[in-house]
Amino acid sequence: MLVRDLNDNDVSAEFATTLLLSSHVRNSMENIHDFISDELMAILNAEIRYAIYEFFTKAANNVEHVDWLTRTLPRNWEVPGIDP
């Protein structure tokens, strides 16, 4: 499937947000591409897109899953925008 105009009526908010967020994540990770092959980068990008889409369409509305995600956040992760 080709990416269509994100303003089309048949594009869900979850789908459009997934594509925009995935593109932002991919662009932010571009420096990793220096260390891995094009093939592996393509796999990584696809996995990120599907994980983000799954979050918006399934996990975000599942209280138990959100609770599990909250409890399993690594304590050593910096808080974006707050921690250096």
PDB file of N, CA and C in Angstrom:
ATOM      1  N   MET A   1       0.835  -1.182   0.000  1.00  0.00           N
ATOM      2  CA  MET A   1       0.000   0.000   0.000  1.00  0.00           C
ATOM      3  C   MET A   1       0.875   1.239   0.000  1.00  0.00           C
ATOM      4  N   LEU A   2       0.529   2.173  -0.833  1.00  0.00           N
ATOM      5  CA  LEU A   2       1.257   3.427  -0.881  1.00  0.00           C
ATOM      6  C   LEU A   2       0.670   4.391   0.138  1.00  0.00           C
ATOM      7  N   VAL A   3       1.516   5.227   0.696  1.00  0.00           N
ATOM      8  CA  VAL A   3       1.036   6.233   1.635  1.00  0.00           C
ATOM      9  C   VAL A   3       0.248   7.269   0.838  1.00  0.00           C
ATOM     10  N   ARG A   4      -0.956   7.498   1.272  1.00  0.00           N
ATOM     11  CA  ARG A   4      -1.813   8.474   0.613  1.00  0.00           C
ATOM     12  C   ARG A   4      -1.777   9.785   1.354  1.00  0.00           C
ATOM     13  N   ASP A   5      -2.508  10.742   0.822  1.00  0.00           N
ATOM     14  CA  ASP A   5      -2.661  12.026   1.484  1.00  0.00           C
ATOM     15  C   ASP A   5      -3.241  11.775   2.877  1.00  0.00           C
ATOM     16  N   LEU A   6      -2.565  12.226   3.901  1.00  0.00           N
ATOM     17  CA  LEU A   6      -3.020  11.977   5.267  1.00  0.00           C
ATOM     18  C   LEU A   6      -4.310  12.705   5.598  1.00  0.00           C
ATOM     19  N   ASN A   7      -4.766  13.578   4.704  1.00  0.00           N
ATOM     20  CA  ASN A   7      -6.038  14.270   4.915  1.00  0.00           C
ATOM     21  C   ASN A   7      -7.210  13.521   4.302  1.00  0.00           C
ATOM     22  N   ASP A   8      -6.959  12.402   3.613  1.00  0.00           N
ATOM     23  CA  ASP A   8      -8.045  11.601   3.037  1.00  0.00           C
ATOM     24  C   ASP A   8      -8.978  11.139   4.144  1.00  0.00           C
ATOM     25  N   ASN A   9     -10.257  11.079   3.818  1.00  0.00           N
ATOM     26  CA  ASN A   9     -11.248  10.637   4.801  1.00  0.00           C
ATOM     27  C   ASN A   9     -11.073   9.184   5.195  1.00  0.00           C
ATOM     28  N   ASP A  10     -10.461   8.372   4.314  1.00  0.00           N
ATOM     29  CA  ASP A  10     -10.333   6.946   4.629  1.00  0.00           C
ATOM     30  C   ASP A  10      -9.088   6.620   5.433  1.00  0.00           C
ATOM     31  N   VAL A  11      -8.323   7.616   5.822  1.00  0.00           N
ATOM     32  CA  VAL A  11      -7.125   7.405   6.639  1.00  0.00           C
ATOM     33  C   VAL A  11      -7.495   7.712   8.087  1.00  0.00           C
ATOM     34  N   SER A  12      -7.388   6.688   8.947  1.00  0.00           N
ATOM     35  CA  SER A  12      -7.746   6.881  10.356  1.00  0.00           C
ATOM     36  C   SER A  12      -6.729   7.773  11.050  1.00  0.00           C
ATOM     37  N   ALA A  13      -7.158   8.348  12.157  1.00  0.00           N
ATOM     38  CA  ALA A  13      -6.258   9.186  12.954  1.00  0.00           C
ATOM     39  C   ALA A  13      -5.084   8.365  13.471  1.00  0.00           C
ATOM     40  N   GLU A  14      -5.359   7.107  13.847  1.00  0.00           N
ATOM     41  CA  GLU A  14      -4.296   6.236  14.343  1.00  0.00           C
ATOM     42  C   GLU A  14      -3.267   5.958  13.261  1.00  0.00           C
ATOM     43  N   PHE A  15      -3.746   5.710  12.038  1.00  0.00           N
ATOM     44  CA  PHE A  15      -2.858   5.422  10.915  1.00  0.00           C
ATOM     45  C   PHE A  15      -1.991   6.644  10.595  1.00  0.00           C
ATOM     46  N   ALA A  16      -2.617   7.805  10.503  1.00  0.00           N
ATOM     47  CA  ALA A  16      -1.878   9.030  10.182  1.00  0.00           C
ATOM     48  C   ALA A  16      -0.864   9.345  11.280  1.00  0.00           C
ATOM     49  N   THR A  17      -1.270   9.229  12.535  1.00  0.00           N
ATOM     50  CA  THR A  17      -0.356   9.498  13.650  1.00  0.00           C
ATOM     51  C   THR A  17       0.791   8.504  13.654  1.00  0.00           C
ATOM     52  N   THR A  18       0.487   7.244  13.364  1.00  0.00           N
ATOM     53  CA  THR A  18       1.530   6.218  13.286  1.00  0.00           C
ATOM     54  C   THR A  18       2.572   6.585  12.249  1.00  0.00           C
ATOM     55  N   LEU A  19       2.130   6.974  11.063  1.00  0.00           N
ATOM     56  CA  LEU A  19       3.075   7.316  10.002  1.00  0.00           C
ATOM     57  C   LEU A  19       3.922   8.531  10.366  1.00  0.00           C
ATOM     58  N   LEU A  20       3.288   9.555  10.910  1.00  0.00           N
ATOM     59  CA  LEU A  20       4.034  10.763  11.278  1.00  0.00           C
ATOM     60  C   LEU A  20       5.025  10.484  12.405  1.00  0.00           C
ATOM     61  N   LEU A  21       4.590   9.781  13.436  1.00  0.00           N
ATOM     62  CA  LEU A  21       5.470   9.458  14.558  1.00  0.00           C
ATOM     63  C   LEU A  21       6.591   8.529  14.117  1.00  0.00           C
ATOM     64  N   SER A  22       6.272   7.546  13.292  1.00  0.00           N
ATOM     65  CA  SER A  22       7.292   6.621  12.784  1.00  0.00           C
ATOM     66  C   SER A  22       8.337   7.348  11.954  1.00  0.00           C
ATOM     67  N   SER A  23       7.896   8.289  11.140  1.00  0.00           N
ATOM     68  CA  SER A  23       8.832   9.070  10.333  1.00  0.00           C
ATOM     69  C   SER A  23       9.754   9.893  11.230  1.00  0.00           C
ATOM     70  N   HIS A  24       9.185  10.468  12.271  1.00  0.00           N
ATOM     71  CA  HIS A  24       9.995  11.258  13.207  1.00  0.00           C
ATOM     72  C   HIS A  24      11.022  10.381  13.926  1.00  0.00           C
ATOM     73  N   VAL A  25      10.589   9.204  14.377  1.00  0.00           N
ATOM     74  CA  VAL A  25      11.499   8.278  15.055  1.00  0.00           C
ATOM     75  C   VAL A  25      12.603   7.841  14.098  1.00  0.00           C
ATOM     76  N   ARG A  26      12.210   7.471  12.876  1.00  0.00           N
ATOM     77  CA  ARG A  26      13.185   7.029  11.878  1.00  0.00           C
ATOM     78  C   ARG A  26      14.225   8.120  11.613  1.00  0.00           C
ATOM     79  N   ASN A  27      13.777   9.344  11.429  1.00  0.00           N
ATOM     80  CA  ASN A  27      14.711  10.440  11.167  1.00  0.00           C
ATOM     81  C   ASN A  27      15.627  10.687  12.365  1.00  0.00           C
ATOM     82  N   SER A  28      15.096  10.521  13.561  1.00  0.00           N
ATOM     83  CA  SER A  28      15.908  10.703  14.771  1.00  0.00           C
ATOM     84  C   SER A  28      16.952   9.605  14.931  1.00  0.00           C
ATOM     85  N   MET A  29      16.689   8.439  14.329  1.00  0.00           N
ATOM     86  CA  MET A  29      17.606   7.305  14.443  1.00  0.00           C
ATOM     87  C   MET A  29      18.571   7.202  13.261  1.00  0.00           C
ATOM     88  N   GLU A  30      18.608   8.175  12.416  1.00  0.00           N
ATOM     89  CA  GLU A  30      19.415   8.093  11.195  1.00  0.00           C
ATOM     90  C   GLU A  30      20.886   7.821  11.488  1.00  0.00           C
ATOM     91  N   ASN A  31      21.400   8.314  12.616  1.00  0.00           N
ATOM     92  CA  ASN A  31      22.814   8.074  12.940  1.00  0.00           C
ATOM     93  C   ASN A  31      23.111   6.597  13.188  1.00  0.00           C
ATOM     94  N   ILE A  32      22.095   5.817  13.570  1.00  0.00           N
ATOM     95  CA  ILE A  32      22.283   4.370  13.761  1.00  0.00           C
ATOM     96  C   ILE A  32      22.571   3.689  12.429  1.00  0.00           C
ATOM     97  N   HIS A  33      22.067   4.275  11.365  1.00  0.00           N
ATOM     98  CA  HIS A  33      22.229   3.682  10.039  1.00  0.00           C
ATOM     99  C   HIS A  33      23.707   3.548   9.653  1.00  0.00           C
ATOM    100  N   ASP A  34      24.562   4.333  10.265  1.00  0.00           N
ATOM    101  CA  ASP A  34      26.002   4.219  10.007  1.00  0.00           C
ATOM    102  C   ASP A  34      26.568   2.879  10.503  1.00  0.00           C
ATOM    103  N   PHE A  35      25.850   2.211  11.400  1.00  0.00           N
ATOM    104  CA  PHE A  35      26.358   0.997  12.028  1.00  0.00           C
ATOM    105  C   PHE A  35      25.645  -0.273  11.599  1.00  0.00           C
ATOM    106  N   ILE A  36      24.533  -0.152  10.870  1.00  0.00           N
ATOM    107  CA  ILE A  36      23.794  -1.340  10.436  1.00  0.00           C
ATOM    108  C   ILE A  36      23.486  -1.248   8.944  1.00  0.00           C
ATOM    109  N   SER A  37      23.222  -2.382   8.353  1.00  0.00           N
ATOM    110  CA  SER A  37      22.998  -2.453   6.905  1.00  0.00           C
ATOM    111  C   SER A  37      21.649  -1.842   6.518  1.00  0.00           C
ATOM    112  N   ASP A  38      21.505  -1.537   5.226  1.00  0.00           N
ATOM    113  CA  ASP A  38      20.233  -1.047   4.700  1.00  0.00           C
ATOM    114  C   ASP A  38      19.116  -2.053   4.966  1.00  0.00           C
ATOM    115  N   GLU A  39      19.427  -3.330   4.807  1.00  0.00           N
ATOM    116  CA  GLU A  39      18.424  -4.369   5.006  1.00  0.00           C
ATOM    117  C   GLU A  39      17.934  -4.404   6.456  1.00  0.00           C
ATOM    118  N   LEU A  40      18.868  -4.321   7.395  1.00  0.00           N
ATOM    119  CA  LEU A  40      18.490  -4.335   8.807  1.00  0.00           C
ATOM    120  C   LEU A  40      17.743  -3.061   9.182  1.00  0.00           C
ATOM    121  N   MET A  41      18.151  -1.935   8.609  1.00  0.00           N
ATOM    122  CA  MET A  41      17.465  -0.673   8.889  1.00  0.00           C
ATOM    123  C   MET A  41      16.020  -0.744   8.399  1.00  0.00           C
ATOM    124  N   ALA A  42      15.794  -1.362   7.241  1.00  0.00           N
ATOM    125  CA  ALA A  42      14.431  -1.501   6.718  1.00  0.00           C
ATOM    126  C   ALA A  42      13.572  -2.351   7.649  1.00  0.00           C
ATOM    127  N   ILE A  43      14.156  -3.423   8.177  1.00  0.00           N
ATOM    128  CA  ILE A  43      13.427  -4.288   9.118  1.00  0.00           C
ATOM    129  C   ILE A  43      13.112  -3.524  10.401  1.00  0.00           C
ATOM    130  N   LEU A  44      14.091  -2.803  10.913  1.00  0.00           N
ATOM    131  CA  LEU A  44      13.907  -2.019  12.136  1.00  0.00           C
ATOM    132  C   LEU A  44      12.815  -0.972  11.944  1.00  0.00           C
ATOM    133  N   ASN A  45      12.834  -0.267  10.808  1.00  0.00           N
ATOM    134  CA  ASN A  45      11.815   0.746  10.531  1.00  0.00           C
ATOM    135  C   ASN A  45      10.421   0.132  10.483  1.00  0.00           C
ATOM    136  N   ALA A  46      10.286  -1.017   9.835  1.00  0.00           N
ATOM    137  CA  ALA A  46       8.980  -1.682   9.755  1.00  0.00           C
ATOM    138  C   ALA A  46       8.504  -2.105  11.143  1.00  0.00           C
ATOM    139  N   GLU A  47       9.393  -2.667  11.952  1.00  0.00           N
ATOM    140  CA  GLU A  47       9.024  -3.086  13.307  1.00  0.00           C
ATOM    141  C   GLU A  47       8.549  -1.897  14.140  1.00  0.00           C
ATOM    142  N   ILE A  48       9.226  -0.774  14.003  1.00  0.00           N
ATOM    143  CA  ILE A  48       8.830   0.440  14.732  1.00  0.00           C
ATOM    144  C   ILE A  48       7.437   0.881  14.298  1.00  0.00           C
ATOM    145  N   ARG A  49       7.193   0.923  12.979  1.00  0.00           N
ATOM    146  CA  ARG A  49       5.876   1.338  12.478  1.00  0.00           C
ATOM    147  C   ARG A  49       4.768   0.433  13.007  1.00  0.00           C
ATOM    148  N   TYR A  50       4.974  -0.889  12.929  1.00  0.00           N
ATOM    149  CA  TYR A  50       3.938  -1.807  13.389  1.00  0.00           C
ATOM    150  C   TYR A  50       3.733  -1.720  14.898  1.00  0.00           C
ATOM    151  N   ALA A  51       4.794  -1.535  15.658  1.00  0.00           N
ATOM    152  CA  ALA A  51       4.653  -1.421  17.113  1.00  0.00           C
ATOM    153  C   ALA A  51       3.893  -0.154  17.493  1.00  0.00           C
ATOM    154  N   ILE A  52       4.183   0.944  16.825  1.00  0.00           N
ATOM    155  CA  ILE A  52       3.469   2.194  17.107  1.00  0.00           C
ATOM    156  C   ILE A  52       2.000   2.054  16.734  1.00  0.00           C
ATOM    157  N   TYR A  53       1.725   1.478  15.565  1.00  0.00           N
ATOM    158  CA  TYR A  53       0.334   1.293  15.140  1.00  0.00           C
ATOM    159  C   TYR A  53      -0.412   0.384  16.110  1.00  0.00           C
ATOM    160  N   GLU A  54       0.236  -0.696  16.538  1.00  0.00           N
ATOM    161  CA  GLU A  54      -0.389  -1.603  17.497  1.00  0.00           C
ATOM    162  C   GLU A  54      -0.690  -0.888  18.804  1.00  0.00           C
ATOM    163  N   PHE A  55       0.204  -0.023  19.239  1.00  0.00           N
ATOM    164  CA  PHE A  55      -0.048   0.731  20.468  1.00  0.00           C
ATOM    165  C   PHE A  55      -1.305   1.579  20.331  1.00  0.00           C
ATOM    166  N   PHE A  56      -1.400   2.339  19.233  1.00  0.00           N
ATOM    167  CA  PHE A  56      -2.554   3.221  19.052  1.00  0.00           C
ATOM    168  C   PHE A  56      -3.856   2.457  18.846  1.00  0.00           C
ATOM    169  N   THR A  57      -3.812   1.293  18.219  1.00  0.00           N
ATOM    170  CA  THR A  57      -5.044   0.588  17.893  1.00  0.00           C
ATOM    171  C   THR A  57      -5.447  -0.460  18.920  1.00  0.00           C
ATOM    172  N   LYS A  58      -4.513  -0.933  19.732  1.00  0.00           N
ATOM    173  CA  LYS A  58      -4.837  -1.993  20.686  1.00  0.00           C
ATOM    174  C   LYS A  58      -4.419  -1.649  22.109  1.00  0.00           C
ATOM    175  N   ALA A  59      -3.174  -1.351  22.285  1.00  0.00           N
ATOM    176  CA  ALA A  59      -2.627  -1.230  23.638  1.00  0.00           C
ATOM    177  C   ALA A  59      -3.126  -0.001  24.386  1.00  0.00           C
ATOM    178  N   ALA A  60      -3.259   1.126  23.708  1.00  0.00           N
ATOM    179  CA  ALA A  60      -3.636   2.361  24.394  1.00  0.00           C
ATOM    180  C   ALA A  60      -5.018   2.271  25.024  1.00  0.00           C
ATOM    181  N   ASN A  61      -5.880   1.435  24.485  1.00  0.00           N
ATOM    182  CA  ASN A  61      -7.231   1.278  25.027  1.00  0.00           C
ATOM    183  C   ASN A  61      -7.361   0.098  25.973  1.00  0.00           C
ATOM    184  N   ASN A  62      -6.261  -0.541  26.286  1.00  0.00           N
ATOM    185  CA  ASN A  62      -6.266  -1.715  27.151  1.00  0.00           C
ATOM    186  C   ASN A  62      -5.611  -1.325  28.472  1.00  0.00           C
ATOM    187  N   VAL A  63      -6.423  -1.111  29.485  1.00  0.00           N
ATOM    188  CA  VAL A  63      -5.932  -0.623  30.775  1.00  0.00           C
ATOM    189  C   VAL A  63      -4.868  -1.542  31.360  1.00  0.00           C
ATOM    190  N   GLU A  64      -5.074  -2.843  31.248  1.00  0.00           N
ATOM    191  CA  GLU A  64      -4.105  -3.787  31.794  1.00  0.00           C
ATOM    192  C   GLU A  64      -2.759  -3.670  31.082  1.00  0.00           C
ATOM    193  N   HIS A  65      -2.806  -3.496  29.774  1.00  0.00           N
ATOM    194  CA  HIS A  65      -1.554  -3.388  29.015  1.00  0.00           C
ATOM    195  C   HIS A  65      -0.830  -2.082  29.338  1.00  0.00           C
ATOM    196  N   VAL A  66      -1.568  -0.993  29.435  1.00  0.00           N
ATOM    197  CA  VAL A  66      -0.951   0.288  29.800  1.00  0.00           C
ATOM    198  C   VAL A  66      -0.344   0.195  31.191  1.00  0.00           C
ATOM    199  N   ASP A  67      -1.033  -0.466  32.116  1.00  0.00           N
ATOM    200  CA  ASP A  67      -0.487  -0.667  33.458  1.00  0.00           C
ATOM    201  C   ASP A  67       0.808  -1.471  33.403  1.00  0.00           C
ATOM    202  N   TRP A  68       0.805  -2.549  32.607  1.00  0.00           N
ATOM    203  CA  TRP A  68       2.008  -3.367  32.456  1.00  0.00           C
ATOM    204  C   TRP A  68       3.151  -2.548  31.864  1.00  0.00           C
ATOM    205  N   LEU A  69       2.861  -1.764  30.814  1.00  0.00           N
ATOM    206  CA  LEU A  69       3.903  -0.915  30.212  1.00  0.00           C
ATOM    207  C   LEU A  69       4.466   0.057  31.238  1.00  0.00           C
ATOM    208  N   THR A  70       3.582   0.645  32.028  1.00  0.00           N
ATOM    209  CA  THR A  70       4.006   1.604  33.051  1.00  0.00           C
ATOM    210  C   THR A  70       4.917   0.938  34.086  1.00  0.00           C
ATOM    211  N   ARG A  71       4.539  -0.265  34.529  1.00  0.00           N
ATOM    212  CA  ARG A  71       5.331  -0.972  35.546  1.00  0.00           C
ATOM    213  C   ARG A  71       6.664  -1.471  35.000  1.00  0.00           C
ATOM    214  N   THR A  72       6.759  -1.702  33.697  1.00  0.00           N
ATOM    215  CA  THR A  72       7.983  -2.272  33.131  1.00  0.00           C
ATOM    216  C   THR A  72       8.882  -1.244  32.453  1.00  0.00           C
ATOM    217  N   LEU A  73       8.553   0.034  32.587  1.00  0.00           N
ATOM    218  CA  LEU A  73       9.456   1.055  32.037  1.00  0.00           C
ATOM    219  C   LEU A  73      10.814   0.947  32.728  1.00  0.00           C
ATOM    220  N   PRO A  74      11.885   0.887  31.968  1.00  0.00           N
ATOM    221  CA  PRO A  74      13.215   0.816  32.586  1.00  0.00           C
ATOM    222  C   PRO A  74      13.490   2.064  33.431  1.00  0.00           C
ATOM    223  N   ARG A  75      13.930   1.838  34.633  1.00  0.00           N
ATOM    224  CA  ARG A  75      14.200   2.953  35.552  1.00  0.00           C
ATOM    225  C   ARG A  75      15.353   3.839  35.092  1.00  0.00           C
ATOM    226  N   ASN A  76      16.229   3.301  34.237  1.00  0.00           N
ATOM    227  CA  ASN A  76      17.384   4.094  33.808  1.00  0.00           C
ATOM    228  C   ASN A  76      17.095   4.937  32.576  1.00  0.00           C
ATOM    229  N   TRP A  77      15.894   4.894  32.038  1.00  0.00           N
ATOM    230  CA  TRP A  77      15.561   5.755  30.884  1.00  0.00           C
ATOM    231  C   TRP A  77      15.484   7.200  31.324  1.00  0.00           C
ATOM    232  N   GLU A  78      16.097   8.071  30.559  1.00  0.00           N
ATOM    233  CA  GLU A  78      15.990   9.492  30.827  1.00  0.00           C
ATOM    234  C   GLU A  78      14.591   9.953  30.447  1.00  0.00           C
ATOM    235  N   VAL A  79      14.152  11.040  31.059  1.00  0.00           N
ATOM    236  CA  VAL A  79      12.860  11.611  30.727  1.00  0.00           C
ATOM    237  C   VAL A  79      13.088  12.634  29.618  1.00  0.00           C
ATOM    238  N   PRO A  80      12.565  12.362  28.409  1.00  0.00           N
ATOM    239  CA  PRO A  80      12.796  13.282  27.286  1.00  0.00           C
ATOM    240  C   PRO A  80      12.323  14.684  27.596  1.00  0.00           C
ATOM    241  N   GLY A  81      13.163  15.651  27.300  1.00  0.00           N
ATOM    242  CA  GLY A  81      12.826  17.045  27.545  1.00  0.00           C
ATOM    243  C   GLY A  81      13.150  17.527  28.952  1.00  0.00           C
ATOM    244  N   ILE A  82      13.473  16.574  29.848  1.00  0.00           N
ATOM    245  CA  ILE A  82      13.785  16.940  31.226  1.00  0.00           C
ATOM    246  C   ILE A  82      15.225  16.554  31.551  1.00  0.00           C
ATOM    247  N   ASP A  83      15.542  15.278  31.356  1.00  0.00           N
ATOM    248  CA  ASP A  83      16.887  14.790  31.627  1.00  0.00           C
ATOM    249  C   ASP A  83      17.779  15.053  30.420  1.00  0.00           C
ATOM    250  N   PRO A  84      19.072  15.235  30.692  1.00  0.00           N
ATOM    251  CA  PRO A  84      19.999  15.473  29.569  1.00  0.00           C
ATOM    252  C   PRO A  84      20.145  14.258  28.675  1.00  0.00           C
TER     253      PRO A  84
END
